[in-house]
Amino acid sequence: MWALSAVGYRRLGTAAALATAVGGWISGKLPAHDPWGLWVDHGASVRIPAAVLAYAGLTVLVVAWWQYGRTAATVRETLTTLAWWTAPFLLTPPLYSADVYSYIAQGAMVVEGLDVYTVGPSSLDPAGIGGDAAASVGHHWRDTPAPYGPLFLLLSAAVAKTTGGTIVPAVLAMRLIVLASLALIVWALRRLAREHGTDESRALWLGALNPLLLMHVVGGMHNDGLMIGLMLAGCALALRGRWVAGSALIGLAMMVKSPAAVALLFIGVMVHASETGPQVRRWAKGLLAPGLVACAVAGSATLVSGTGFGWLRTQGVAGNIHTALSLVSDLGLGLGELGRLLLGTDPEPVKSAVQTLGLAAAVVLIFVLARRSMNGHLPPVHALGLGLLALVALSPMVQPWYLLWGLVVVAATQQHGRVVTVLTVLSAALVYETHPAGGTPAFGFALAGIAALVATLVVRRTPPAVEPAAPVPGPRNAHPDAPQAPQSAGAPQGTA
């Protein structure tokens, strides 16, 4: 296969990102009404070729990213590449999702004094603040209460109030929050990589330069980026012995999206390992202290926001929407329909039971990983990444960008092996699942399947560009018998 230098792949990826952004400007998730006239629909005759351009640019970007991972790029080079690849998406309309319109509308609801945990964006006055954003929300979510925590709603409210809810400046203000989240992810990735003796550039390549993150966090402005950034920063502080500050950051991450709470269990493992004295005290402090700190932060954020504790009852609203990527929902739906055909039973209880069993299995796996980490078989942060991946795989609702929850964590703790290989292949495939306008067309799944097959063949047939170096010291607070992650500048291997 042809090969370029890191600079060559940077330039190739920048051109691809620019093509994706230009195509997305026309075929992305345009608002229902833009008083500025910048993001308007030009009709199918222009929209379809623009979508083709966006897909073509995305394909080249994936290839450039994959090949860039085979170069011995430095941290400075990778940070420069990240800036170049991010820049084309800064002024585009929302890409691959309409969720940012929900964020703005929910912020406007807070400004207007409406209960975001009881009613949806459709309750806003169409002619008032946030009216254009509410009209642009996907039809599934217009009457859906917010599943997000008070911290994120405060940020959304600040955006809505500052911009008056006007679409273009409001969206661009939300993208500023995304850029701050990306900077936090980069900061935390580098520090976690140092703590685990892994290569910083490789961590940044998989965890920040990843096209899946560029498309759905920078382009789509999903608040998962902020949750991940706060969670990673909390883990980085906890590894350095500052577990109180780390737990506080996890509490803030929970006030964006609740899955960040999983990190508290593994911070508890770190606290247990660092404590001396009677076992009862070590267990009590490890199990309770991080959670108490995070709950205090979450409660304070809720009281300051004035939005109330309704977020406690809206965490499952997203599960009402069926997504084809959720294996447990697909299985439950299939079994439910089979029961309806054979026995005439209602399929919904069957589907709900299977979804519940999936979540229960995820919880069990997370506790098993925590136990293995406590016994010194896995570094706590790496175990957290695996636990989040298990949670996503067994959740009742799965979106492509949910993979980033665990992927970014694993990126800092592991250089090669089967897990990294699978994550790399999935990253290259899942970017195709969603149309620039936010839909999930059938051809998107077909393209994702083709990309996964091609990526798997490439991994199996292509030798690494650089052989892994000798092992380096493992993470701080790790058990002395825990396996250490070797440093590698090459591409992911097909075997462990």
Protein backbone atom coordinates (compact mmCIF):
# COMPACT_ATOMS: atom_id res chain seq x y z
CA MET A 1 0.00 0.00 0.00
CA TRP A 2 1.18 3.50 -0.83
CA ALA A 3 2.51 5.49 2.08
CA LEU A 4 2.99 9.16 2.94
CA SER A 5 4.64 10.91 5.83
CA ALA A 6 2.66 12.15 8.82
CA VAL A 7 2.58 15.59 7.18
CA GLY A 8 1.31 14.07 3.94
CA TYR A 9 -1.55 12.28 5.71
CA ARG A 10 -2.30 15.47 7.63
CA ARG A 11 -2.74 17.35 4.35
CA LEU A 12 -4.78 14.54 2.82
CA GLY A 13 -7.04 14.39 5.86
CA THR A 14 -7.47 18.17 5.89
CA ALA A 15 -8.62 18.14 2.27
CA ALA A 16 -10.99 15.28 3.12
CA ALA A 17 -12.35 17.09 6.17
CA LEU A 18 -12.90 20.19 4.04
CA ALA A 19 -14.83 18.14 1.45
CA THR A 20 -16.92 16.58 4.22
CA ALA A 21 -17.65 20.00 5.72
CA VAL A 22 -18.59 21.55 2.35
CA GLY A 23 -20.88 18.64 1.55
CA GLY A 24 -22.34 18.77 5.04
CA TRP A 25 -22.97 22.52 4.79
CA ILE A 26 -25.61 21.72 2.17
CA SER A 27 -26.72 18.22 3.15
CA GLY A 28 -26.33 18.44 6.94
CA LYS A 29 -29.09 18.88 9.52
CA LEU A 30 -30.28 22.31 8.45
CA PRO A 31 -32.62 24.26 10.75
CA ALA A 32 -36.30 24.61 9.97
CA HIS A 33 -35.77 28.38 9.76
CA ASP A 34 -32.60 30.46 9.67
CA PRO A 35 -33.26 34.21 9.80
CA TRP A 36 -29.68 34.84 8.67
CA GLY A 37 -30.13 32.83 5.47
CA LEU A 38 -26.81 30.97 5.84
CA TRP A 39 -28.09 27.44 6.45
CA VAL A 40 -30.97 26.98 4.01
CA ASP A 41 -32.17 24.03 1.96
CA HIS A 42 -31.29 24.31 -1.74
CA GLY A 43 -33.38 21.34 -2.82
CA ALA A 44 -32.66 17.71 -3.65
CA SER A 45 -30.84 18.58 -6.87
CA VAL A 46 -28.07 20.15 -4.80
CA ARG A 47 -28.52 18.23 -1.56
CA ILE A 48 -27.90 14.76 -3.03
CA PRO A 49 -24.57 15.60 -4.76
CA ALA A 50 -23.50 17.38 -1.57
CA ALA A 51 -24.20 14.24 0.46
CA VAL A 52 -22.14 12.20 -2.02
CA LEU A 53 -19.29 14.69 -1.57
CA ALA A 54 -19.59 14.41 2.21
CA TYR A 55 -19.43 10.60 2.08
CA ALA A 56 -16.47 10.70 -0.31
CA GLY A 57 -14.61 13.14 1.94
CA LEU A 58 -15.39 11.01 4.96
CA THR A 59 -13.96 7.93 3.23
CA VAL A 60 -10.70 9.70 2.44
CA LEU A 61 -10.57 11.05 6.00
CA VAL A 62 -10.91 7.54 7.42
CA VAL A 63 -8.10 6.30 5.15
CA ALA A 64 -5.89 9.25 6.12
CA TRP A 65 -6.57 8.60 9.82
CA TRP A 66 -5.89 4.88 9.50
CA GLN A 67 -2.60 5.46 7.67
CA TYR A 68 -1.59 8.30 9.97
CA GLY A 69 -1.76 5.77 12.81
CA ARG A 70 0.99 3.79 11.09
CA THR A 71 3.44 6.68 11.16
CA ALA A 72 5.79 7.46 14.02
CA ALA A 73 4.19 10.87 14.55
CA THR A 74 5.14 12.95 17.58
CA VAL A 75 2.66 14.43 20.03
CA ARG A 76 3.21 17.89 18.55
CA GLU A 77 2.56 16.60 15.04
CA THR A 78 -0.62 14.83 16.14
CA LEU A 79 -1.91 17.92 17.94
CA THR A 80 -1.24 19.97 14.81
CA THR A 81 -3.07 17.38 12.72
CA LEU A 82 -6.02 17.48 15.13
CA ALA A 83 -6.23 21.26 14.74
CA TRP A 84 -6.10 21.00 10.94
CA TRP A 85 -8.77 18.31 10.78
CA THR A 86 -11.04 20.09 13.24
CA ALA A 87 -10.93 23.51 11.60
CA PRO A 88 -13.19 22.75 8.58
CA PHE A 89 -16.09 21.78 10.87
CA LEU A 90 -16.09 24.90 13.03
CA LEU A 91 -18.62 26.93 10.98
CA THR A 92 -20.77 24.18 9.51
CA PRO A 93 -24.41 23.56 10.46
CA PRO A 94 -25.02 20.54 12.69
CA LEU A 95 -23.81 17.36 11.03
CA TYR A 96 -25.11 13.80 11.53
CA SER A 97 -27.62 14.82 14.22
CA ALA A 98 -30.31 17.32 15.23
CA ASP A 99 -29.54 16.94 18.95
CA VAL A 100 -27.94 20.35 19.24
CA TYR A 101 -31.32 21.92 18.43
CA SER A 102 -32.74 20.02 21.42
CA TYR A 103 -29.92 21.40 23.57
CA ILE A 104 -30.66 24.98 22.54
CA ALA A 105 -34.41 24.51 22.94
CA GLN A 106 -33.98 22.98 26.40
CA GLY A 107 -31.73 25.88 27.37
CA ALA A 108 -34.45 28.27 26.22
CA MET A 109 -36.96 26.34 28.33
CA VAL A 110 -34.78 26.90 31.39
CA VAL A 111 -34.60 30.62 30.57
CA GLU A 112 -38.39 30.73 30.17
CA GLY A 113 -38.92 28.91 33.46
CA LEU A 114 -40.41 25.74 31.94
CA ASP A 115 -39.83 22.35 33.53
CA VAL A 116 -37.50 20.55 31.09
CA TYR A 117 -38.00 17.29 32.98
CA THR A 118 -41.75 17.26 32.44
CA VAL A 119 -42.38 18.69 28.96
CA GLY A 120 -40.45 18.78 25.68
CA PRO A 121 -39.27 21.53 23.30
CA SER A 122 -42.71 21.72 21.65
CA SER A 123 -43.88 23.67 24.72
CA LEU A 124 -41.86 26.71 23.61
CA ASP A 125 -43.53 29.67 21.92
CA PRO A 126 -42.69 29.33 18.18
CA ALA A 127 -42.17 33.09 17.99
CA GLY A 128 -40.14 33.33 21.19
CA ILE A 129 -36.64 32.47 22.32
CA GLY A 130 -35.71 28.99 21.15
CA GLY A 131 -38.72 28.72 18.85
CA ASP A 132 -36.62 28.11 15.73
CA ALA A 133 -34.53 25.52 17.58
CA ALA A 134 -37.66 23.73 18.82
CA ALA A 135 -39.05 23.60 15.27
CA SER A 136 -35.78 21.99 14.13
CA VAL A 137 -35.79 19.22 16.74
CA GLY A 138 -36.30 15.68 15.40
CA HIS A 139 -39.92 14.58 15.67
CA HIS A 140 -39.03 11.78 18.14
CA TRP A 141 -37.76 14.32 20.67
CA ARG A 142 -40.14 17.31 20.39
CA ASP A 143 -42.32 16.12 23.27
CA THR A 144 -39.57 14.29 25.18
CA PRO A 145 -38.33 15.63 28.55
CA ALA A 146 -34.61 16.26 28.87
CA PRO A 147 -32.48 13.28 29.99
CA TYR A 148 -29.50 15.54 30.71
CA GLY A 149 -28.17 16.81 34.01
CA PRO A 150 -28.47 20.36 35.39
CA LEU A 151 -24.87 21.34 34.56
CA PHE A 152 -25.42 20.87 30.86
CA LEU A 153 -28.79 22.61 31.02
CA LEU A 154 -27.12 25.61 32.67
CA LEU A 155 -24.63 25.79 29.80
CA SER A 156 -27.44 25.47 27.25
CA ALA A 157 -29.43 28.15 29.03
CA ALA A 158 -26.42 30.48 28.95
CA VAL A 159 -26.15 29.92 25.19
CA ALA A 160 -29.86 30.51 24.62
CA LYS A 161 -29.89 33.66 26.74
CA THR A 162 -26.70 35.11 25.24
CA THR A 163 -27.73 34.50 21.63
CA GLY A 164 -31.45 35.03 22.05
CA GLY A 165 -31.92 31.57 20.59
CA THR A 166 -30.99 32.75 17.10
CA ILE A 167 -29.99 29.59 15.28
CA VAL A 168 -26.58 30.34 13.77
CA PRO A 169 -24.93 32.06 16.78
CA ALA A 170 -26.55 29.57 19.18
CA VAL A 171 -25.19 26.57 17.26
CA LEU A 172 -21.75 28.14 16.98
CA ALA A 173 -21.77 28.90 20.72
CA MET A 174 -22.56 25.23 21.41
CA ARG A 175 -19.59 24.34 19.22
CA LEU A 176 -17.37 26.47 21.45
CA ILE A 177 -18.42 24.23 24.35
CA VAL A 178 -17.49 21.25 22.18
CA LEU A 179 -14.03 22.69 21.50
CA ALA A 180 -13.48 23.19 25.23
CA SER A 181 -14.54 19.57 25.72
CA LEU A 182 -12.07 18.43 23.06
CA ALA A 183 -9.27 20.39 24.73
CA LEU A 184 -10.14 18.71 28.05
CA ILE A 185 -10.09 15.27 26.39
CA VAL A 186 -6.65 15.98 24.92
CA TRP A 187 -5.31 17.18 28.27
CA ALA A 188 -6.63 14.13 30.11
CA LEU A 189 -5.54 11.65 27.42
CA ARG A 190 -1.95 12.85 27.60
CA ARG A 191 -1.80 12.62 31.38
CA LEU A 192 -3.46 9.23 31.55
CA ALA A 193 -1.09 7.94 28.87
CA ARG A 194 1.88 9.09 30.94
CA GLU A 195 0.49 7.40 34.05
CA HIS A 196 0.02 4.12 32.15
CA GLY A 197 3.35 4.24 30.31
CA THR A 198 1.67 4.41 26.90
CA ASP A 199 2.57 6.61 23.96
CA GLU A 200 0.78 9.97 24.08
CA SER A 201 0.63 10.35 20.32
CA ARG A 202 -0.99 6.93 19.93
CA ALA A 203 -3.51 7.79 22.63
CA LEU A 204 -4.37 11.02 20.84
CA TRP A 205 -4.62 9.21 17.50
CA LEU A 206 -7.25 6.73 18.69
CA GLY A 207 -8.98 8.89 21.29
CA ALA A 208 -9.06 12.42 19.83
CA LEU A 209 -8.12 12.32 16.14
CA ASN A 210 -10.67 9.55 15.59
CA PRO A 211 -13.10 10.35 12.71
CA LEU A 212 -15.99 9.08 14.84
CA LEU A 213 -15.23 11.79 17.39
CA LEU A 214 -14.67 14.46 14.74
CA MET A 215 -17.98 13.64 13.06
CA HIS A 216 -20.22 13.29 16.09
CA VAL A 217 -18.61 15.48 18.75
CA VAL A 218 -17.17 18.34 16.67
CA GLY A 219 -19.59 18.07 13.73
CA GLY A 220 -22.67 16.83 15.59
CA MET A 221 -21.92 18.66 18.88
CA HIS A 222 -23.09 15.80 21.09
CA ASN A 223 -22.70 16.51 24.79
CA ASP A 224 -21.04 13.11 25.20
CA GLY A 225 -17.77 14.95 24.49
CA LEU A 226 -18.18 17.09 27.60
CA MET A 227 -19.12 14.06 29.69
CA ILE A 228 -16.06 12.15 28.45
CA GLY A 229 -13.72 15.09 29.01
CA LEU A 230 -14.84 15.64 32.62
CA MET A 231 -14.77 11.90 33.34
CA LEU A 232 -11.26 11.47 31.93
CA ALA A 233 -9.98 14.51 33.81
CA GLY A 234 -11.45 13.10 37.02
CA CYS A 235 -9.67 9.79 36.45
CA ALA A 236 -6.39 11.59 35.71
CA LEU A 237 -6.59 13.49 39.00
CA ALA A 238 -7.55 10.38 40.96
CA LEU A 239 -4.55 8.47 39.59
CA ARG A 240 -2.30 11.17 40.98
CA GLY A 241 -3.84 10.77 44.43
CA ARG A 242 -6.31 13.69 44.14
CA TRP A 243 -9.35 11.46 44.34
CA VAL A 244 -11.60 14.07 46.00
CA ALA A 245 -11.13 16.51 43.10
CA GLY A 246 -11.40 13.61 40.68
CA SER A 247 -14.68 12.44 42.20
CA ALA A 248 -15.99 16.01 42.05
CA LEU A 249 -15.27 16.11 38.32
CA ILE A 250 -17.05 12.79 37.89
CA GLY A 251 -20.00 14.36 39.68
CA LEU A 252 -19.99 17.19 37.15
CA ALA A 253 -19.74 14.66 34.31
CA MET A 254 -22.82 12.92 35.74
CA MET A 255 -24.60 16.26 35.57
CA VAL A 256 -24.09 16.15 31.82
CA LYS A 257 -24.93 12.47 31.20
CA SER A 258 -25.43 9.77 33.81
CA PRO A 259 -23.16 6.96 32.39
CA ALA A 260 -20.15 8.81 33.85
CA ALA A 261 -21.24 7.45 37.25
CA VAL A 262 -19.57 4.14 36.32
CA ALA A 263 -16.20 5.85 36.85
CA LEU A 264 -16.91 6.25 40.58
CA LEU A 265 -16.61 2.51 41.12
CA PHE A 266 -13.11 2.46 39.64
CA ILE A 267 -12.01 5.58 41.50
CA GLY A 268 -13.13 3.65 44.56
CA VAL A 269 -10.74 0.88 43.53
CA MET A 270 -7.91 3.44 43.42
CA VAL A 271 -8.86 4.80 46.85
CA HIS A 272 -8.98 1.26 48.30
CA ALA A 273 -5.53 0.49 46.87
CA SER A 274 -3.98 3.69 48.21
CA GLU A 275 -5.38 3.40 51.74
CA THR A 276 -3.59 1.73 54.64
CA GLY A 277 -5.02 0.34 57.83
CA PRO A 278 -7.83 -2.10 58.58
CA GLN A 279 -9.58 -3.74 55.63
CA VAL A 280 -12.97 -2.53 56.83
CA ARG A 281 -11.82 1.08 56.63
CA ARG A 282 -10.27 0.56 53.19
CA TRP A 283 -13.42 -1.06 51.85
CA ALA A 284 -15.71 1.56 53.36
CA LYS A 285 -13.69 4.47 52.05
CA GLY A 286 -13.27 2.94 48.60
CA LEU A 287 -16.94 2.07 48.21
CA LEU A 288 -18.51 5.15 49.78
CA ALA A 289 -16.21 8.18 49.70
CA PRO A 290 -16.03 8.86 45.92
CA GLY A 291 -19.80 8.42 45.61
CA LEU A 292 -20.50 10.78 48.51
CA VAL A 293 -18.27 13.47 46.97
CA ALA A 294 -19.91 13.08 43.55
CA CYS A 295 -23.41 13.13 45.05
CA ALA A 296 -22.60 16.31 46.96
CA VAL A 297 -21.43 17.95 43.74
CA ALA A 298 -24.46 16.68 41.81
CA GLY A 299 -26.85 17.89 44.50
CA SER A 300 -25.20 21.30 44.64
CA ALA A 301 -25.33 21.65 40.84
CA THR A 302 -29.02 20.73 40.89
CA LEU A 303 -29.83 23.30 43.57
CA VAL A 304 -27.82 26.03 41.85
CA SER A 305 -29.45 25.35 38.49
CA GLY A 306 -32.97 25.60 39.85
CA THR A 307 -34.13 22.89 37.43
CA GLY A 308 -34.98 20.44 40.21
CA PHE A 309 -34.24 16.74 40.59
CA GLY A 310 -36.41 15.66 37.69
CA TRP A 311 -33.33 14.32 35.92
CA LEU A 312 -33.50 11.33 38.26
CA ARG A 313 -36.72 10.12 36.60
CA THR A 314 -35.91 10.95 32.96
CA GLN A 315 -32.78 8.82 32.53
CA GLY A 316 -34.67 6.11 30.68
CA VAL A 317 -36.56 8.25 28.16
CA ALA A 318 -34.06 7.57 25.38
CA GLY A 319 -34.67 3.83 25.74
CA ASN A 320 -38.16 4.32 24.31
CA ILE A 321 -36.60 4.96 20.89
CA HIS A 322 -35.53 1.80 19.07
CA THR A 323 -32.08 1.95 17.48
CA ALA A 324 -30.85 -0.86 15.26
CA LEU A 325 -27.39 -0.79 16.87
CA SER A 326 -28.80 -2.01 20.18
CA LEU A 327 -28.36 -5.77 20.11
CA VAL A 328 -30.51 -6.35 23.19
CA SER A 329 -33.36 -4.25 21.78
CA ASP A 330 -33.12 -6.06 18.45
CA LEU A 331 -33.18 -9.41 20.27
CA GLY A 332 -36.08 -8.35 22.47
CA LEU A 333 -38.05 -7.06 19.51
CA GLY A 334 -37.44 -10.26 17.58
CA LEU A 335 -38.48 -12.47 20.50
CA GLY A 336 -41.50 -10.29 21.17
CA GLU A 337 -42.66 -10.47 17.57
CA LEU A 338 -42.11 -14.24 17.56
CA GLY A 339 -44.30 -14.54 20.65
CA ARG A 340 -46.97 -12.40 19.03
CA LEU A 341 -47.02 -14.59 15.92
CA LEU A 342 -47.00 -17.91 17.79
CA LEU A 343 -48.90 -17.11 20.97
CA GLY A 344 -50.65 -13.83 20.28
CA THR A 345 -48.87 -12.11 23.21
CA ASP A 346 -47.95 -8.43 23.47
CA PRO A 347 -44.33 -8.02 22.21
CA GLU A 348 -43.53 -4.96 24.36
CA PRO A 349 -43.18 -6.74 27.74
CA VAL A 350 -40.82 -9.25 26.14
CA LYS A 351 -38.70 -6.50 24.63
CA SER A 352 -38.63 -4.62 27.95
CA ALA A 353 -37.61 -7.78 29.84
CA VAL A 354 -34.74 -8.47 27.44
CA GLN A 355 -33.56 -4.85 27.72
CA THR A 356 -33.60 -5.12 31.51
CA LEU A 357 -31.62 -8.36 31.38
CA GLY A 358 -29.09 -6.67 29.10
CA LEU A 359 -28.54 -3.83 31.56
CA ALA A 360 -28.30 -6.32 34.43
CA ALA A 361 -25.64 -8.26 32.52
CA ALA A 362 -23.73 -5.01 31.91
CA VAL A 363 -23.80 -4.20 35.63
CA VAL A 364 -22.50 -7.67 36.47
CA LEU A 365 -19.65 -7.31 33.95
CA ILE A 366 -18.74 -3.90 35.35
CA PHE A 367 -18.50 -5.31 38.88
CA VAL A 368 -16.44 -8.26 37.62
CA LEU A 369 -14.03 -5.81 35.98
CA ALA A 370 -13.86 -3.78 39.20
CA ARG A 371 -13.08 -6.95 41.15
CA ARG A 372 -10.33 -7.91 38.69
CA SER A 373 -8.92 -4.41 38.98
CA MET A 374 -8.96 -4.59 42.78
CA ASN A 375 -7.10 -7.89 42.58
CA GLY A 376 -4.42 -6.28 40.42
CA HIS A 377 -5.27 -8.02 37.15
CA LEU A 378 -6.35 -4.83 35.36
CA PRO A 379 -5.41 -1.17 35.82
CA PRO A 380 -8.51 0.66 37.15
CA VAL A 381 -8.81 3.15 34.28
CA HIS A 382 -8.45 0.43 31.66
CA ALA A 383 -11.09 -1.61 33.46
CA LEU A 384 -13.34 1.47 33.39
CA GLY A 385 -12.96 1.67 29.62
CA LEU A 386 -13.89 -1.99 29.22
CA GLY A 387 -16.84 -1.53 31.56
CA LEU A 388 -18.19 1.38 29.54
CA LEU A 389 -17.83 -0.65 26.35
CA ALA A 390 -19.84 -3.44 27.99
CA LEU A 391 -22.49 -0.93 29.05
CA VAL A 392 -22.83 0.38 25.50
CA ALA A 393 -22.93 -3.10 23.97
CA LEU A 394 -25.78 -4.16 26.29
CA SER A 395 -27.77 -0.91 26.46
CA PRO A 396 -31.36 -0.67 25.22
CA MET A 397 -30.42 2.30 23.04
CA VAL A 398 -27.09 2.58 21.20
CA GLN A 399 -25.90 5.37 18.93
CA PRO A 400 -22.62 5.28 16.96
CA TRP A 401 -20.95 7.91 19.13
CA TYR A 402 -21.69 5.96 22.33
CA LEU A 403 -18.67 3.83 21.41
CA LEU A 404 -16.54 6.83 22.35
CA TRP A 405 -17.46 6.46 26.04
CA GLY A 406 -15.14 3.52 26.48
CA LEU A 407 -12.95 3.97 23.41
CA VAL A 408 -11.39 7.23 24.58
CA VAL A 409 -10.60 5.68 27.97
CA VAL A 410 -9.02 2.58 26.43
CA ALA A 411 -7.01 4.80 24.05
CA ALA A 412 -5.00 6.10 27.01
CA THR A 413 -4.37 2.71 28.59
CA GLN A 414 -3.70 0.23 25.78
CA GLN A 415 -1.54 0.44 22.66
CA HIS A 416 -2.39 -2.70 20.73
CA GLY A 417 -4.23 -6.00 20.98
CA ARG A 418 -7.64 -7.30 20.11
CA VAL A 419 -9.61 -4.62 21.94
CA VAL A 420 -7.79 -1.78 20.18
CA THR A 421 -8.13 -3.60 16.85
CA VAL A 422 -11.89 -3.98 17.29
CA LEU A 423 -12.26 -0.35 18.35
CA THR A 424 -10.26 0.82 15.35
CA VAL A 425 -12.36 -1.23 12.93
CA LEU A 426 -15.61 -0.08 14.53
CA SER A 427 -14.48 3.55 14.36
CA ALA A 428 -13.83 3.21 10.63
CA ALA A 429 -17.22 1.54 10.09
CA LEU A 430 -19.65 3.41 12.34
CA VAL A 431 -18.94 6.80 10.75
CA TYR A 432 -20.99 5.61 7.76
CA GLU A 433 -24.07 4.59 9.71
CA THR A 434 -25.50 8.11 9.94
CA HIS A 435 -26.38 10.43 7.05
CA PRO A 436 -25.03 14.01 7.27
CA ALA A 437 -28.65 15.11 7.82
CA GLY A 438 -28.91 12.84 10.86
CA GLY A 439 -30.96 9.94 9.50
CA THR A 440 -29.93 6.29 9.45
CA PRO A 441 -30.62 5.10 5.90
CA ALA A 442 -30.32 1.45 4.93
CA PHE A 443 -27.36 2.19 2.67
CA GLY A 444 -25.55 3.63 5.70
CA PHE A 445 -25.62 0.23 7.39
CA ALA A 446 -24.46 -1.37 4.13
CA LEU A 447 -21.54 1.06 3.87
CA ALA A 448 -20.67 0.43 7.52
CA GLY A 449 -20.62 -3.32 6.88
CA ILE A 450 -18.38 -2.93 3.85
CA ALA A 451 -16.04 -0.62 5.77
CA ALA A 452 -15.84 -3.10 8.66
CA LEU A 453 -15.02 -5.95 6.27
CA VAL A 454 -12.35 -3.95 4.42
CA ALA A 455 -10.81 -2.70 7.66
CA THR A 456 -10.68 -6.23 9.07
CA LEU A 457 -8.95 -7.53 5.94
CA VAL A 458 -6.44 -4.67 6.06
CA VAL A 459 -5.63 -5.39 9.72
CA ARG A 460 -5.08 -9.07 8.99
CA ARG A 461 -2.92 -8.60 5.90
CA THR A 462 -0.88 -5.50 6.72
CA PRO A 463 2.16 -5.85 9.02
CA PRO A 464 2.82 -3.10 11.59
CA ALA A 465 4.82 -0.13 10.38
CA VAL A 466 6.90 -0.03 13.57
CA GLU A 467 7.59 -2.92 15.92
CA PRO A 468 6.43 -2.43 19.52
CA ALA A 469 9.09 -1.22 21.91
CA ALA A 470 10.03 -2.89 25.16
CA PRO A 471 7.53 -2.60 28.02
CA VAL A 472 7.66 0.50 30.19
CA PRO A 473 6.55 1.00 33.79
CA GLY A 474 2.82 0.65 34.36
CA PRO A 475 0.30 3.01 35.90
CA ARG A 476 0.55 4.56 39.28
CA ASN A 477 -1.41 2.70 41.97
CA ALA A 478 -1.37 -0.49 39.89
CA HIS A 479 -0.88 -3.83 41.57
CA PRO A 480 2.77 -4.97 41.23
CA ASP A 481 1.66 -8.13 39.43
CA ALA A 482 -0.64 -6.35 36.98
CA PRO A 483 0.31 -6.75 33.29
CA GLN A 484 2.02 -3.72 31.81
CA ALA A 485 1.08 -2.14 28.49
CA PRO A 486 3.94 -2.07 25.95
CA GLN A 487 4.66 1.10 24.04
CA SER A 488 3.99 1.01 20.33
CA ALA A 489 4.09 3.48 17.47
CA GLY A 490 2.70 1.05 14.95
CA ALA A 491 -0.83 0.32 13.82
CA PRO A 492 -3.12 -1.96 15.85
CA GLN A 493 -2.39 -5.63 15.56
CA GLY A 494 -4.85 -8.30 14.58
CA THR A 495 -3.88 -10.49 17.53
CA ALA A 496 -3.22 -9.85 21.15
